[in-house]
Amino acid sequence: MKRVQWLFRQGILSTSEATRRLHSSAAKLTHGPLCTACQYAKQRRKTTPGTVKVTVKQEDGALK
């Protein structure tokens, strides 16, 4: 992925100004695209257990 982003930054693969802008924005991505199995696993993941916070109505918005 880093090599492809380097090619995008160099402008070697672009043929017009519109594709050059698209490639320059794609070169700034920090994470690559996920495969279908990874996207499905991310959707099906359960949340981690935690604590439930309860707000007191009288003290809501009060300064500490």
N, C-alpha and C. Protein backbone atom coordinates (compact mmCIF):
# COMPACT_ATOMS: atom_id res chain seq x y z
N MET A 1 0.83 -1.19 0.00
CA MET A 1 0.00 0.00 0.00
C MET A 1 0.87 1.26 0.00
N LYS A 2 1.98 1.21 0.73
CA LYS A 2 2.85 2.38 0.76
C LYS A 2 3.45 2.67 -0.61
N ARG A 3 3.77 1.64 -1.35
CA ARG A 3 4.34 1.84 -2.68
C ARG A 3 3.32 2.46 -3.63
N VAL A 4 2.08 2.01 -3.53
CA VAL A 4 1.02 2.58 -4.37
C VAL A 4 0.79 4.04 -4.00
N GLN A 5 0.81 4.36 -2.70
CA GLN A 5 0.63 5.74 -2.29
C GLN A 5 1.80 6.60 -2.79
N TRP A 6 3.00 6.04 -2.82
CA TRP A 6 4.15 6.78 -3.34
C TRP A 6 3.94 7.08 -4.82
N LEU A 7 3.43 6.10 -5.58
CA LEU A 7 3.14 6.33 -7.00
C LEU A 7 2.08 7.41 -7.17
N PHE A 8 1.08 7.40 -6.30
CA PHE A 8 0.04 8.43 -6.36
C PHE A 8 0.64 9.81 -6.12
N ARG A 9 1.51 9.92 -5.11
CA ARG A 9 2.12 11.22 -4.80
C ARG A 9 3.00 11.72 -5.94
N GLN A 10 3.66 10.82 -6.64
CA GLN A 10 4.53 11.21 -7.75
C GLN A 10 3.73 11.65 -8.97
N GLY A 11 2.48 11.23 -9.09
CA GLY A 11 1.64 11.61 -10.22
C GLY A 11 1.89 10.77 -11.46
N ILE A 12 2.53 9.64 -11.30
CA ILE A 12 2.87 8.78 -12.44
C ILE A 12 1.62 8.15 -13.04
N LEU A 13 0.68 7.77 -12.22
CA LEU A 13 -0.50 7.04 -12.69
C LEU A 13 -1.64 7.92 -13.15
N SER A 14 -1.56 9.22 -12.95
CA SER A 14 -2.69 10.10 -13.29
C SER A 14 -2.57 10.57 -14.74
N THR A 15 -3.73 10.69 -15.38
CA THR A 15 -3.76 11.13 -16.77
C THR A 15 -4.43 12.48 -16.93
N SER A 16 -5.16 12.93 -15.92
CA SER A 16 -5.82 14.23 -15.99
C SER A 16 -5.74 14.90 -14.62
N GLU A 17 -6.18 16.13 -14.56
CA GLU A 17 -6.14 16.88 -13.30
C GLU A 17 -7.10 16.30 -12.27
N ALA A 18 -8.24 15.77 -12.72
CA ALA A 18 -9.21 15.18 -11.80
C ALA A 18 -8.64 13.92 -11.14
N THR A 19 -7.99 13.08 -11.92
CA THR A 19 -7.40 11.89 -11.33
C THR A 19 -6.20 12.24 -10.46
N ARG A 20 -5.49 13.32 -10.79
CA ARG A 20 -4.36 13.75 -9.97
C ARG A 20 -4.84 14.19 -8.59
N ARG A 21 -5.97 14.89 -8.53
CA ARG A 21 -6.54 15.29 -7.24
C ARG A 21 -7.02 14.08 -6.45
N LEU A 22 -7.63 13.13 -7.14
CA LEU A 22 -8.09 11.91 -6.49
C LEU A 22 -6.92 11.11 -5.94
N HIS A 23 -5.86 11.00 -6.70
CA HIS A 23 -4.69 10.26 -6.26
C HIS A 23 -3.99 10.96 -5.09
N SER A 24 -3.96 12.28 -5.10
CA SER A 24 -3.30 12.98 -3.99
C SER A 24 -4.09 12.81 -2.70
N SER A 25 -5.41 12.76 -2.77
CA SER A 25 -6.20 12.52 -1.56
C SER A 25 -6.08 11.06 -1.11
N ALA A 26 -5.95 10.13 -2.04
CA ALA A 26 -5.78 8.73 -1.68
C ALA A 26 -4.41 8.48 -1.07
N ALA A 27 -3.43 9.28 -1.42
CA ALA A 27 -2.08 9.11 -0.87
C ALA A 27 -2.01 9.52 0.59
N LYS A 28 -2.98 10.28 1.07
CA LYS A 28 -2.99 10.76 2.45
C LYS A 28 -3.67 9.79 3.41
N LEU A 29 -4.24 8.69 2.91
CA LEU A 29 -4.91 7.72 3.77
C LEU A 29 -3.90 7.04 4.68
N THR A 30 -4.30 6.80 5.91
CA THR A 30 -3.41 6.13 6.85
C THR A 30 -3.66 4.64 6.92
N HIS A 31 -4.88 4.19 6.65
CA HIS A 31 -5.22 2.77 6.69
C HIS A 31 -5.74 2.36 5.32
N GLY A 32 -5.35 1.19 4.87
CA GLY A 32 -5.80 0.67 3.60
C GLY A 32 -7.23 0.17 3.67
N PRO A 33 -7.81 -0.17 2.55
CA PRO A 33 -9.18 -0.69 2.55
C PRO A 33 -9.24 -2.08 3.18
N LEU A 34 -10.37 -2.41 3.77
CA LEU A 34 -10.56 -3.71 4.41
C LEU A 34 -11.17 -4.69 3.41
N CYS A 35 -10.80 -5.95 3.55
CA CYS A 35 -11.41 -6.98 2.71
C CYS A 35 -12.84 -7.24 3.21
N THR A 36 -13.60 -7.99 2.45
CA THR A 36 -14.99 -8.26 2.78
C THR A 36 -15.12 -9.01 4.10
N ALA A 37 -14.24 -9.98 4.33
CA ALA A 37 -14.30 -10.76 5.57
C ALA A 37 -14.01 -9.87 6.78
N CYS A 38 -13.07 -8.96 6.64
CA CYS A 38 -12.75 -8.05 7.76
C CYS A 38 -13.90 -7.09 8.04
N GLN A 39 -14.55 -6.60 6.99
CA GLN A 39 -15.69 -5.71 7.19
C GLN A 39 -16.82 -6.44 7.88
N TYR A 40 -17.08 -7.69 7.50
CA TYR A 40 -18.14 -8.48 8.12
C TYR A 40 -17.82 -8.74 9.59
N ALA A 41 -16.58 -9.08 9.88
CA ALA A 41 -16.19 -9.34 11.27
C ALA A 41 -16.32 -8.09 12.12
N LYS A 42 -16.02 -6.94 11.54
CA LYS A 42 -16.14 -5.69 12.29
C LYS A 42 -17.61 -5.38 12.59
N GLN A 43 -18.50 -5.72 11.68
CA GLN A 43 -19.92 -5.47 11.91
C GLN A 43 -20.49 -6.39 12.97
N ARG A 44 -19.97 -7.61 13.05
CA ARG A 44 -20.53 -8.60 13.96
C ARG A 44 -19.89 -8.58 15.34
N ARG A 45 -18.88 -7.75 15.55
CA ARG A 45 -18.17 -7.73 16.82
C ARG A 45 -19.06 -7.16 17.91
N LYS A 46 -19.03 -7.79 19.06
CA LYS A 46 -19.82 -7.32 20.19
C LYS A 46 -19.05 -6.25 20.94
N THR A 47 -19.76 -5.35 21.55
CA THR A 47 -19.13 -4.29 22.31
C THR A 47 -18.51 -4.85 23.58
N THR A 48 -17.50 -4.18 24.05
CA THR A 48 -16.85 -4.61 25.29
C THR A 48 -17.73 -4.22 26.47
N PRO A 49 -17.81 -5.07 27.49
CA PRO A 49 -18.63 -4.73 28.64
C PRO A 49 -18.03 -3.55 29.40
N GLY A 50 -18.89 -2.73 29.94
CA GLY A 50 -18.42 -1.58 30.68
C GLY A 50 -19.43 -1.16 31.72
N THR A 51 -19.22 0.01 32.26
CA THR A 51 -20.12 0.51 33.29
C THR A 51 -21.15 1.44 32.66
N VAL A 52 -22.29 1.54 33.29
CA VAL A 52 -23.36 2.42 32.83
C VAL A 52 -23.31 3.68 33.67
N LYS A 53 -23.25 4.81 33.01
CA LYS A 53 -23.21 6.09 33.72
C LYS A 53 -24.62 6.65 33.82
N VAL A 54 -24.97 7.10 35.00
CA VAL A 54 -26.28 7.67 35.24
C VAL A 54 -26.07 9.13 35.62
N THR A 55 -26.76 10.03 34.94
CA THR A 55 -26.64 11.44 35.26
C THR A 55 -27.73 11.84 36.24
N VAL A 56 -27.36 12.66 37.20
CA VAL A 56 -28.32 13.19 38.16
C VAL A 56 -28.91 14.45 37.53
N LYS A 57 -30.23 14.50 37.42
CA LYS A 57 -30.91 15.60 36.74
C LYS A 57 -30.63 16.95 37.41
N GLN A 58 -30.49 16.97 38.71
CA GLN A 58 -30.26 18.23 39.41
C GLN A 58 -28.87 18.79 39.14
N GLU A 59 -27.90 17.92 38.95
CA GLU A 59 -26.53 18.35 38.78
C GLU A 59 -26.11 18.37 37.30
N ASP A 60 -27.00 18.11 36.39
CA ASP A 60 -26.67 18.08 34.97
C ASP A 60 -26.33 19.48 34.50
N GLY A 61 -25.15 19.67 33.94
CA GLY A 61 -24.71 20.96 33.43
C GLY A 61 -24.10 21.88 34.48
N ALA A 62 -24.03 21.45 35.72
CA ALA A 62 -23.45 22.28 36.79
C ALA A 62 -21.94 22.25 36.68
N LEU A 63 -21.31 23.35 37.03
CA LEU A 63 -19.86 23.43 37.03
C LEU A 63 -19.29 22.75 38.27
N LYS A 64 -18.12 22.19 38.10
CA LYS A 64 -17.49 21.50 39.25
C LYS A 64 -16.65 22.47 40.02
